[in-house]
Protein backbone atom coordinates (compact mmCIF):
# COMPACT_ATOMS: atom_id res chain seq x y z
CA UNK A 1 68.78 82.98 123.48
CA UNK A 2 66.42 81.88 121.73
CA UNK A 3 67.42 82.59 117.57
CA UNK A 4 64.62 84.25 115.54
CA UNK A 5 64.70 84.04 111.62
CA UNK A 6 62.61 86.47 109.49
CA UNK A 7 61.40 85.41 106.68
CA UNK A 8 59.95 87.97 104.37
CA UNK A 9 57.89 87.44 101.05
CA UNK A 10 55.04 88.30 99.28
CA UNK A 11 53.37 84.49 99.85
CA UNK A 12 50.76 84.76 96.96
CA UNK A 13 49.75 82.16 98.07
CA UNK A 14 52.33 80.19 100.08
CA UNK A 15 53.92 77.08 97.80
CA UNK A 16 55.51 73.91 99.20
CA UNK A 17 58.18 75.47 97.83
CA UNK A 18 58.10 78.42 100.76
CA UNK A 19 57.30 75.83 103.43
CA UNK A 20 60.28 73.71 102.53
CA UNK A 21 62.62 76.58 103.07
CA UNK A 22 60.58 77.42 106.57
CA UNK A 23 61.45 73.46 107.48
CA UNK A 24 65.43 73.93 106.16
CA UNK A 25 65.66 77.36 108.27
CA UNK A 26 63.94 75.80 111.28
CA UNK A 27 66.57 73.47 111.92
CA UNK A 28 69.08 76.85 112.32
CA UNK A 29 66.59 78.97 114.09
CA UNK A 30 64.58 78.39 117.04
CA UNK A 31 61.39 80.73 115.74
CA UNK A 32 60.40 81.99 112.25
CA UNK A 33 58.62 84.72 111.83
CA UNK A 34 56.66 85.16 108.05
CA UNK A 35 56.32 88.18 106.92
CA UNK A 36 53.87 88.34 104.40
CA UNK A 37 54.40 91.74 102.42
CA UNK A 38 52.59 93.88 100.31
CA UNK A 39 54.54 94.10 96.90
CA UNK A 40 54.14 97.51 95.47
CA UNK A 41 55.47 96.11 92.19
CA UNK A 42 52.61 93.41 91.92
CA UNK A 43 49.35 92.78 91.83
CA UNK A 44 48.18 90.27 94.48
CA UNK A 45 45.49 87.68 94.07
CA UNK A 46 45.15 87.22 97.85
CA UNK A 47 44.72 90.45 100.40
CA UNK A 48 47.70 90.60 102.85
CA UNK A 49 45.38 89.87 105.79
CA UNK A 50 44.07 86.57 103.35
CA UNK A 51 47.52 85.39 103.14
CA UNK A 52 48.87 85.87 107.17
CA UNK A 53 45.52 83.74 107.79
CA UNK A 54 46.43 80.84 105.09
CA UNK A 55 50.15 80.48 106.70
CA UNK A 56 48.57 81.02 110.36
CA UNK A 57 46.34 78.10 109.56
CA UNK A 58 49.10 75.96 107.87
CA UNK A 59 51.17 76.40 111.06
CA UNK A 60 48.73 76.78 113.80
CA UNK A 61 49.99 73.45 115.52
CA UNK A 62 53.95 74.44 114.82
CA UNK A 63 54.58 77.32 117.80
CA UNK A 64 57.60 78.05 115.99
CA UNK A 65 56.41 79.45 112.84
CA UNK A 66 54.65 83.01 113.53
CA UNK A 67 53.19 84.66 110.89
CA UNK A 68 52.68 88.59 110.81
CA UNK A 69 51.61 91.59 108.22
CA UNK A 70 54.50 93.78 106.67
CA UNK A 71 52.96 96.48 105.67
CA UNK A 72 54.52 100.69 105.29
CA UNK A 73 58.04 99.30 106.70
CA UNK A 74 61.06 97.43 105.62
CA UNK A 75 61.71 94.08 106.51
CA UNK A 76 65.07 95.38 107.99
CA UNK A 77 63.01 97.64 110.30
CA UNK A 78 60.98 94.60 111.29
CA UNK A 79 64.02 92.33 111.70
CA UNK A 80 65.33 94.97 114.01
CA UNK A 81 62.42 95.47 115.94
CA UNK A 82 61.80 91.83 116.62
CA UNK A 83 65.83 91.13 117.67
CA UNK A 84 65.76 88.43 114.21
CA UNK A 85 69.26 86.73 113.84
CA UNK A 86 68.82 86.55 110.23
CA UNK A 87 66.73 87.29 107.57
CA UNK A 88 65.35 84.01 105.29
CA UNK A 89 65.74 83.98 101.42
CA UNK A 90 64.65 81.06 99.56
CA UNK A 91 66.73 80.07 96.38
CA UNK A 92 65.19 77.71 93.72
CA UNK A 93 67.94 78.49 90.56
CA UNK A 94 71.08 79.87 90.02
CA UNK A 95 68.95 82.73 88.32
CA UNK A 96 67.46 83.58 91.80
CA UNK A 97 71.10 84.28 93.21
CA UNK A 98 71.62 87.71 91.41
CA UNK A 99 68.40 89.14 92.60
CA UNK A 100 68.66 87.82 95.57
CA UNK A 101 72.22 88.76 96.66
CA UNK A 102 70.77 92.21 95.55
CA UNK A 103 68.39 92.27 97.71
CA UNK A 104 70.84 91.15 100.81
CA UNK A 105 73.08 93.71 99.86
CA UNK A 106 70.25 96.81 100.40
CA UNK A 107 68.93 95.10 103.67
CA UNK A 108 72.80 95.36 104.85
CA UNK A 109 72.70 98.81 103.57
CA UNK A 110 69.36 99.53 105.81
CA UNK A 111 70.85 97.06 109.01
CA UNK A 112 74.11 95.92 108.79
CA UNK A 113 73.63 93.62 111.80
CA UNK A 114 71.03 91.53 110.08
CA UNK A 115 72.67 88.47 108.01
CA UNK A 116 70.70 87.73 105.21
CA UNK A 117 70.99 83.71 105.08
CA UNK A 118 70.03 81.73 102.02
CA UNK A 119 68.55 78.04 101.63
CA UNK A 120 68.30 76.58 98.54
CA UNK A 121 65.06 74.71 97.71
CA UNK A 122 64.75 70.85 97.40
CA UNK A 123 65.16 69.80 94.02
CA UNK A 124 61.67 68.50 93.61
CA UNK A 125 60.49 72.30 94.13
CA UNK A 126 62.59 74.03 92.43
CA UNK A 127 60.34 74.93 89.70
CA UNK A 128 57.12 75.68 91.91
CA UNK A 129 56.52 79.40 92.18
CA UNK A 130 53.21 81.26 93.04
CA UNK A 131 52.76 82.54 89.96
CA UNK A 132 52.90 79.13 87.94
CA UNK A 133 50.89 77.67 90.89
CA UNK A 134 47.71 80.36 90.40
CA UNK A 135 48.08 80.10 86.34
CA UNK A 136 47.33 76.09 86.72
CA UNK A 137 45.04 77.04 89.40
CA UNK A 138 43.09 79.24 87.18
CA UNK A 139 42.66 76.69 84.28
CA UNK A 140 41.48 73.93 87.07
CA UNK A 141 44.68 71.91 86.56
CA UNK A 142 46.36 69.60 89.04
CA UNK A 143 47.96 71.93 92.22
CA UNK A 144 48.11 69.38 94.92
CA UNK A 145 51.66 68.37 95.02
CA UNK A 146 52.39 72.62 94.97
CA UNK A 147 50.27 73.91 97.89
CA UNK A 148 48.73 72.67 101.33
CA UNK A 149 45.37 71.58 100.84
CA UNK A 150 44.24 75.17 103.05
CA UNK A 151 46.00 77.04 99.95
CA UNK A 152 44.34 74.70 97.59
CA UNK A 153 40.96 75.28 98.75
CA UNK A 154 41.41 79.13 98.83
CA UNK A 155 42.47 79.21 95.28
CA UNK A 156 39.47 77.17 94.01
CA UNK A 157 37.41 79.21 95.56
CA UNK A 158 38.97 82.96 94.05
CA UNK A 159 38.80 81.04 90.54
CA UNK A 160 35.10 79.11 90.84
């Protein structure tokens, strides 16, 4: 039986930190479904379709990573639909834990059979966030350590 993990997030844009979590999750799961969510409380730089396309381009040679848009439904609903065994969440610092623990409890209230699984980011990526990457890119700073070249090109085109 294939073990499927669902990794929901806004990924605006996907960073090496997110990619680190995907690599760690692939040790446990046979397949990772990256669910790009439309976060109603955030204004995104990239459209949902652009974020899905960036992730699909990055992982085009890795058939174990599939990316889909998640619009107008809960991550727990999608997890049940695709038969996910767990919802993947990344932790950068202890400050993330309280928020992620809240999300895990809410998710459990919606779908008790789908467990949240937390992965700690690698030490050299604990400070990387999409917000910081966008800020650095806006002011023409160096971002190649923080994002895949595909994302770097996309960010440069947004801020040119």
